[in-house]
Amino acid sequence: MTDFVLTPEEREKGLVFAPKFDAAGLLTAVVVDAADGAVLVVAHMNAEALAKTLATGKVHFWSRSRGALWMKGETSGNYLAVETVLTDCDQDALLIRATPAGPTCHTGARACFYREVVAEDGGVVLRCIDT
């Protein structure tokens, strides 16, 4: 990771990895199951979380609510083993293909996205889906 100032052309088409963190020092990270592409979790990474993810091969995040670095699975054992890390065109978001060692969500669900938002009878309800 670098502190280079890149032109838009260099950032979008070049081969220099220069993540573009937001004002809070964070990137959005979308983690999908490497086997089937299911979205497992969306969270944030700061520079330290990204560096640890790349160095260890296990996904780390920055918890905005706790103000702390954490490795997914550090208490449950349900680690996310990194297969590939992709960045988007302007390098401000990541897509991580990972192999989960168990349920990804702290609720015990396979993924954090296990409820569908449905408009029903003039209101909105949640329905559990099989992830």
Protein backbone atom coordinates (compact mmCIF):
# COMPACT_ATOMS: atom_id res chain seq x y z
CA MET A 1 0.00 0.00 0.00
CA THR A 2 1.27 3.39 -0.88
CA ASP A 3 0.84 7.07 -0.22
CA PHE A 4 1.21 7.91 -3.91
CA VAL A 5 -0.86 10.66 -5.42
CA LEU A 6 -2.22 9.16 -8.60
CA THR A 7 -3.99 10.73 -11.53
CA PRO A 8 -7.49 9.38 -12.17
CA GLU A 9 -6.07 7.51 -15.17
CA GLU A 10 -3.30 5.92 -13.06
CA ARG A 11 -5.76 5.03 -10.27
CA GLU A 12 -8.33 3.50 -12.61
CA LYS A 13 -6.11 1.75 -15.15
CA GLY A 14 -2.67 1.46 -13.59
CA LEU A 15 -1.11 -1.34 -11.59
CA VAL A 16 -0.24 0.60 -8.43
CA PHE A 17 -2.34 -0.41 -5.44
CA ALA A 18 -3.13 2.85 -3.66
CA PRO A 19 -6.31 2.36 -1.62
CA LYS A 20 -8.43 5.47 -1.29
CA PHE A 21 -9.63 5.58 2.31
CA ASP A 22 -12.52 7.88 3.22
CA ALA A 23 -12.34 10.83 5.64
CA ALA A 24 -12.63 8.38 8.55
CA GLY A 25 -9.74 6.31 7.17
CA LEU A 26 -11.95 3.43 6.03
CA LEU A 27 -12.68 1.33 2.94
CA THR A 28 -15.82 -0.72 2.39
CA ALA A 29 -15.06 -4.44 2.13
CA VAL A 30 -17.57 -6.86 0.64
CA VAL A 31 -16.75 -10.49 1.43
CA VAL A 32 -18.22 -13.22 -0.76
CA ASP A 33 -17.98 -16.99 -0.54
CA ALA A 34 -15.26 -18.09 -2.96
CA ALA A 35 -17.24 -21.26 -3.74
CA ASP A 36 -20.57 -19.78 -4.81
CA GLY A 37 -20.33 -15.98 -4.72
CA ALA A 38 -22.86 -15.52 -1.91
CA VAL A 39 -22.38 -12.22 -0.07
CA LEU A 40 -21.26 -13.11 3.44
CA VAL A 41 -20.57 -9.77 5.10
CA VAL A 42 -20.01 -6.10 4.33
CA ALA A 43 -17.77 -4.26 6.76
CA HIS A 44 -15.00 -1.68 6.87
CA MET A 45 -11.22 -1.82 6.86
CA ASN A 46 -8.70 0.75 7.90
CA ALA A 47 -5.08 0.57 6.71
CA GLU A 48 -4.10 -1.76 9.57
CA ALA A 49 -6.98 -4.18 8.92
CA LEU A 50 -6.12 -4.28 5.23
CA ALA A 51 -2.43 -4.85 5.93
CA LYS A 52 -3.20 -7.67 8.40
CA THR A 53 -5.64 -9.26 5.96
CA LEU A 54 -3.03 -9.27 3.20
CA ALA A 55 -0.24 -10.47 5.54
CA THR A 56 -2.16 -13.27 7.30
CA GLY A 57 -4.65 -14.44 4.68
CA LYS A 58 -7.45 -14.07 7.25
CA VAL A 59 -9.99 -11.24 6.95
CA HIS A 60 -9.63 -8.41 9.47
CA PHE A 61 -11.96 -5.44 9.88
CA TRP A 62 -12.14 -2.15 11.73
CA SER A 63 -15.15 -2.03 14.05
CA ARG A 64 -16.64 1.44 13.93
CA SER A 65 -18.82 0.74 16.98
CA ARG A 66 -15.97 -0.59 19.13
CA GLY A 67 -13.25 1.56 17.61
CA ALA A 68 -11.03 -1.51 17.38
CA LEU A 69 -9.36 -3.87 14.94
CA TRP A 70 -10.80 -7.39 14.85
CA MET A 71 -10.21 -10.57 12.93
CA LYS A 72 -13.35 -12.34 11.77
CA GLY A 73 -13.49 -15.59 13.70
CA GLU A 74 -11.19 -14.56 16.54
CA THR A 75 -13.78 -15.62 19.13
CA SER A 76 -15.93 -18.10 17.16
CA GLY A 77 -13.21 -19.84 15.18
CA ASN A 78 -15.21 -19.13 12.01
CA TYR A 79 -12.39 -17.44 10.12
CA LEU A 80 -12.63 -16.13 6.59
CA ALA A 81 -9.63 -17.44 4.62
CA VAL A 82 -8.75 -15.05 1.80
CA GLU A 83 -8.69 -16.49 -1.71
CA THR A 84 -8.50 -13.23 -3.70
CA VAL A 85 -8.76 -9.51 -3.03
CA LEU A 86 -10.09 -7.24 -5.76
CA THR A 87 -10.34 -3.47 -5.74
CA ASP A 88 -12.90 -1.40 -7.60
CA CYS A 89 -12.02 1.11 -10.32
CA ASP A 90 -11.23 4.03 -8.02
CA GLN A 91 -9.75 1.83 -5.27
CA ASP A 92 -12.16 2.89 -2.52
CA ALA A 93 -13.85 -0.49 -2.04
CA LEU A 94 -12.72 -4.10 -1.92
CA LEU A 95 -14.29 -7.37 -2.95
CA ILE A 96 -12.79 -10.28 -1.05
CA ARG A 97 -13.40 -13.85 -2.12
CA ALA A 98 -12.96 -16.01 0.96
CA THR A 99 -13.55 -19.52 2.23
CA PRO A 100 -15.53 -19.43 5.48
CA ALA A 101 -14.67 -21.86 8.27
CA GLY A 102 -18.27 -21.82 9.49
CA PRO A 103 -21.15 -19.37 9.81
CA THR A 104 -20.06 -15.80 9.05
CA CYS A 105 -22.74 -13.90 10.97
CA HIS A 106 -22.51 -13.52 14.73
CA THR A 107 -26.14 -14.75 14.85
CA GLY A 108 -25.03 -18.15 13.57
CA ALA A 109 -26.41 -17.59 10.07
CA ARG A 110 -24.24 -18.55 7.11
CA ALA A 111 -24.14 -14.90 6.02
CA CYS A 112 -25.11 -11.57 7.52
CA PHE A 113 -27.70 -11.14 4.75
CA TYR A 114 -30.36 -13.64 5.82
CA ARG A 115 -33.51 -11.47 5.77
CA GLU A 116 -35.37 -10.14 2.77
CA VAL A 117 -37.14 -6.76 2.93
CA VAL A 118 -40.66 -7.26 1.55
CA ALA A 119 -43.47 -4.76 0.91
CA GLU A 120 -46.60 -6.46 2.19
CA ASP A 121 -50.16 -5.29 2.98
CA GLY A 122 -49.23 -1.61 2.94
CA GLY A 123 -46.19 -2.11 5.17
CA VAL A 124 -42.73 -3.52 5.11
CA VAL A 125 -41.71 -6.77 6.77
CA LEU A 126 -38.62 -8.95 6.97
CA ARG A 127 -38.61 -12.57 5.84
CA CYS A 128 -35.86 -15.00 6.69
CA ILE A 129 -34.26 -16.59 3.66
CA ASP A 130 -32.00 -19.58 3.39
CA THR A 131 -28.47 -18.34 2.85
